[in-house]
Amino acid sequence: MRIGVISDTHGDYISWEKAWNFLKDTDLIFHAGDVLYHGPRNPLPPGYDPKKLSSALNSCSVPLLVAQGNCDADVDQMVLDIPMQTPYVFTMIQGKRFMVQHGHTISDEDMHKLIGRYRLDFFITGHTHIPILKKIGGCVVINPGSTSLSKREDKVNSIGLIEDGVARIVDLESGKDIMSLDLK
């Protein structure tokens, strides 16, 4: 199974198109929130077109599971055919437990508790616009960064991929791995 992980698209259709090049062959995409609106603290992304992005997401051929972010509002759900779940998305895939939460309302302590309580294999978050890929006990923690408004020093926009026993964070421009983690 090949799983895509994205977050913080913030209405940027052009960055979605770049991400789609990596995601179109996935079996499922997790979106960790902040889908359409750029938020009052963020600049307008260069490809800001939430109407076009909502249309692309609605016609996406790959199933999307979306956790609501702090910039997502009820009005966004009115134009999306995909339900934004709040505050968590929880699912099992091939015996692995996945939880997605945007990250704006959860502390590290709370995350550790959830990982233990639900015996999670993967915890996916966003919000910071900075990618993270690490293990906490037996759980892989993934923040894919942002597709459009990176807060990395080098401003590289990124997504995550889980496939063939490896989790990786990928640079949207070069296609190169920023980081990877062997899951075996």
Protein backbone atom coordinates (compact mmCIF):
# COMPACT_ATOMS: atom_id res chain seq x y z
CA MET A 1 0.00 0.00 0.00
CA ARG A 2 1.20 3.51 -0.85
CA ILE A 3 -0.11 6.30 1.40
CA GLY A 4 0.25 10.05 0.82
CA VAL A 5 0.47 12.51 3.71
CA ILE A 6 -0.08 16.24 3.22
CA SER A 7 -0.91 19.24 5.35
CA ASP A 8 -1.32 22.98 5.21
CA THR A 9 -2.24 23.44 1.55
CA HIS A 10 -3.84 26.78 2.53
CA GLY A 11 -5.82 27.15 -0.69
CA ASP A 12 -2.73 26.92 -2.92
CA TYR A 13 -3.84 25.12 -6.08
CA ILE A 14 -0.41 25.26 -7.75
CA SER A 15 1.25 23.50 -4.80
CA TRP A 16 -1.53 20.88 -4.89
CA GLU A 17 -0.68 20.22 -8.55
CA LYS A 18 2.98 19.69 -7.60
CA ALA A 19 1.96 17.39 -4.74
CA TRP A 20 -0.43 15.52 -7.01
CA ASN A 21 2.52 14.37 -9.13
CA PHE A 22 3.62 12.29 -6.12
CA LEU A 23 0.14 11.45 -4.80
CA LYS A 24 -1.74 10.32 -7.91
CA ASP A 25 -0.46 6.75 -7.54
CA THR A 26 -1.25 6.44 -3.84
CA ASP A 27 -4.03 4.27 -2.44
CA LEU A 28 -5.05 6.86 0.16
CA ILE A 29 -4.16 10.42 1.13
CA PHE A 30 -4.22 11.77 4.69
CA HIS A 31 -4.58 15.56 4.89
CA ALA A 32 -3.72 16.99 8.32
CA GLY A 33 -5.74 20.18 7.87
CA ASP A 34 -5.64 23.84 6.85
CA VAL A 35 -7.03 22.95 3.46
CA LEU A 36 -8.45 26.08 1.78
CA TYR A 37 -7.86 29.26 3.79
CA HIS A 38 -4.43 30.87 4.20
CA GLY A 39 -5.18 32.23 7.68
CA PRO A 40 -4.65 35.75 8.98
CA ARG A 41 -1.04 35.14 10.09
CA ASN A 42 0.15 33.68 6.80
CA PRO A 43 0.94 35.46 3.54
CA LEU A 44 -1.15 34.59 0.51
CA PRO A 45 0.42 31.53 -1.11
CA PRO A 46 1.62 32.18 -4.68
CA GLY A 47 -0.97 29.81 -6.17
CA TYR A 48 -3.85 30.85 -3.89
CA ASP A 49 -7.07 29.72 -5.54
CA PRO A 50 -9.25 27.94 -2.96
CA LYS A 51 -12.12 27.54 -5.42
CA LYS A 52 -9.91 25.71 -7.91
CA LEU A 53 -8.30 23.65 -5.11
CA SER A 54 -11.70 22.63 -3.73
CA SER A 55 -12.73 21.50 -7.20
CA ALA A 56 -9.52 19.47 -7.56
CA LEU A 57 -10.02 17.84 -4.17
CA ASN A 58 -13.66 17.06 -4.93
CA SER A 59 -12.66 15.32 -8.16
CA CYS A 60 -9.61 13.60 -6.65
CA SER A 61 -9.46 9.97 -7.77
CA VAL A 62 -7.65 8.91 -4.58
CA PRO A 63 -9.64 8.67 -1.31
CA LEU A 64 -8.87 11.56 1.07
CA LEU A 65 -9.17 11.51 4.86
CA VAL A 66 -9.02 15.06 6.24
CA ALA A 67 -8.59 16.36 9.79
CA GLN A 68 -9.88 19.88 10.34
CA GLY A 69 -7.18 22.47 10.97
CA ASN A 70 -7.29 25.77 12.81
CA CYS A 71 -7.76 27.68 9.51
CA ASP A 72 -10.60 25.41 8.32
CA ALA A 73 -14.13 26.71 8.84
CA ASP A 74 -17.68 25.51 8.31
CA VAL A 75 -17.84 27.54 5.09
CA ASP A 76 -14.95 25.44 3.70
CA GLN A 77 -16.95 22.28 4.29
CA MET A 78 -19.76 23.80 2.22
CA VAL A 79 -17.59 23.62 -0.93
CA LEU A 80 -15.87 20.32 -0.15
CA ASP A 81 -17.50 16.95 -0.81
CA ILE A 82 -14.89 15.37 1.48
CA PRO A 83 -15.75 15.49 5.19
CA MET A 84 -13.30 17.34 7.40
CA GLN A 85 -13.21 15.34 10.59
CA THR A 86 -12.52 17.06 13.87
CA PRO A 87 -10.49 16.95 15.93
CA TYR A 88 -9.15 13.50 14.98
CA VAL A 89 -9.20 11.03 12.12
CA PHE A 90 -8.67 7.45 13.29
CA THR A 91 -8.53 4.46 10.99
CA MET A 92 -6.94 1.04 10.61
CA ILE A 93 -5.25 0.01 7.38
CA GLN A 94 -3.89 -3.50 6.94
CA GLY A 95 -3.79 -3.95 10.72
CA LYS A 96 -1.96 -0.64 11.32
CA ARG A 97 -3.53 2.09 13.44
CA PHE A 98 -3.42 5.66 12.09
CA MET A 99 -4.45 8.86 13.84
CA VAL A 100 -4.42 12.32 12.26
CA GLN A 101 -4.76 15.58 14.19
CA HIS A 102 -3.85 19.02 12.86
CA GLY A 103 -1.62 19.74 15.85
CA HIS A 104 -2.78 23.15 17.02
CA THR A 105 -4.55 21.84 20.13
CA ILE A 106 -2.37 18.96 21.20
CA SER A 107 0.64 18.93 23.49
CA ASP A 108 3.51 16.45 23.29
CA GLU A 109 2.21 14.90 26.51
CA ASP A 110 -1.27 14.46 25.02
CA MET A 111 0.22 12.96 21.86
CA HIS A 112 2.19 10.43 23.92
CA LYS A 113 -0.99 9.48 25.80
CA LEU A 114 -2.92 8.97 22.55
CA ILE A 115 -0.12 6.89 21.07
CA GLY A 116 -0.24 4.60 24.11
CA ARG A 117 -4.00 4.49 24.57
CA TYR A 118 -4.75 3.65 20.94
CA ARG A 119 -1.57 1.62 20.37
CA LEU A 120 -0.91 3.76 17.31
CA ASP A 121 1.45 2.76 14.55
CA PHE A 122 1.28 6.21 12.92
CA PHE A 123 0.44 9.64 14.31
CA ILE A 124 0.11 12.31 11.62
CA THR A 125 0.08 16.00 12.38
CA GLY A 126 0.61 19.34 10.64
CA HIS A 127 0.23 22.98 11.72
CA THR A 128 3.91 23.89 12.15
CA HIS A 129 4.73 23.83 8.41
CA ILE A 130 7.99 22.10 9.40
CA PRO A 131 8.38 18.41 8.53
CA ILE A 132 9.04 15.87 11.25
CA LEU A 133 9.67 12.16 10.87
CA LYS A 134 10.55 10.24 14.02
CA LYS A 135 9.65 7.24 16.13
CA ILE A 136 8.14 7.44 19.59
CA GLY A 137 8.27 3.90 20.90
CA GLY A 138 6.71 1.82 18.15
CA CYS A 139 4.79 4.75 16.62
CA VAL A 140 5.93 6.73 13.59
CA VAL A 141 5.20 10.46 13.99
CA ILE A 142 4.88 12.31 10.69
CA ASN A 143 4.41 15.99 10.02
CA PRO A 144 4.75 16.38 6.25
CA GLY A 145 5.42 20.12 6.48
CA SER A 146 3.44 22.37 4.16
CA THR A 147 2.82 22.09 0.44
CA SER A 148 2.72 25.87 0.06
CA LEU A 149 3.98 27.88 3.05
CA SER A 150 7.05 26.14 4.40
CA LYS A 151 8.51 27.51 7.60
CA ARG A 152 11.78 25.62 7.13
CA GLU A 153 14.85 27.85 6.89
CA ASP A 154 15.29 26.85 3.23
CA LYS A 155 11.52 27.30 2.53
CA VAL A 156 11.26 23.84 0.90
CA ASN A 157 7.64 22.73 0.53
CA SER A 158 7.02 19.06 1.18
CA ILE A 159 4.72 16.05 1.51
CA GLY A 160 5.00 12.64 3.12
CA LEU A 161 4.84 9.16 1.61
CA ILE A 162 4.53 5.78 3.30
CA GLU A 163 5.36 2.81 1.10
CA ASP A 164 7.40 -0.37 0.93
CA GLY A 165 8.40 -0.27 4.60
CA VAL A 166 9.69 3.32 4.43
CA ALA A 167 8.23 6.66 5.48
CA ARG A 168 9.70 9.69 3.77
CA ILE A 169 9.33 13.43 3.48
CA VAL A 170 9.76 14.61 -0.12
CA ASP A 171 10.78 18.03 -1.51
CA LEU A 172 7.99 19.09 -3.92
CA GLU A 173 10.39 20.86 -6.29
CA SER A 174 13.23 18.36 -6.63
CA GLY A 175 11.43 15.14 -5.70
CA LYS A 176 14.34 14.26 -3.43
CA ASP A 177 13.91 12.87 0.05
CA ILE A 178 14.35 15.44 2.80
CA MET A 179 14.28 12.66 5.38
CA SER A 180 13.31 9.01 5.53
CA LEU A 181 12.70 6.35 8.18
CA ASP A 182 12.93 2.60 7.74
CA LEU A 183 9.77 1.01 9.13
CA LYS A 184 11.00 -2.59 9.11
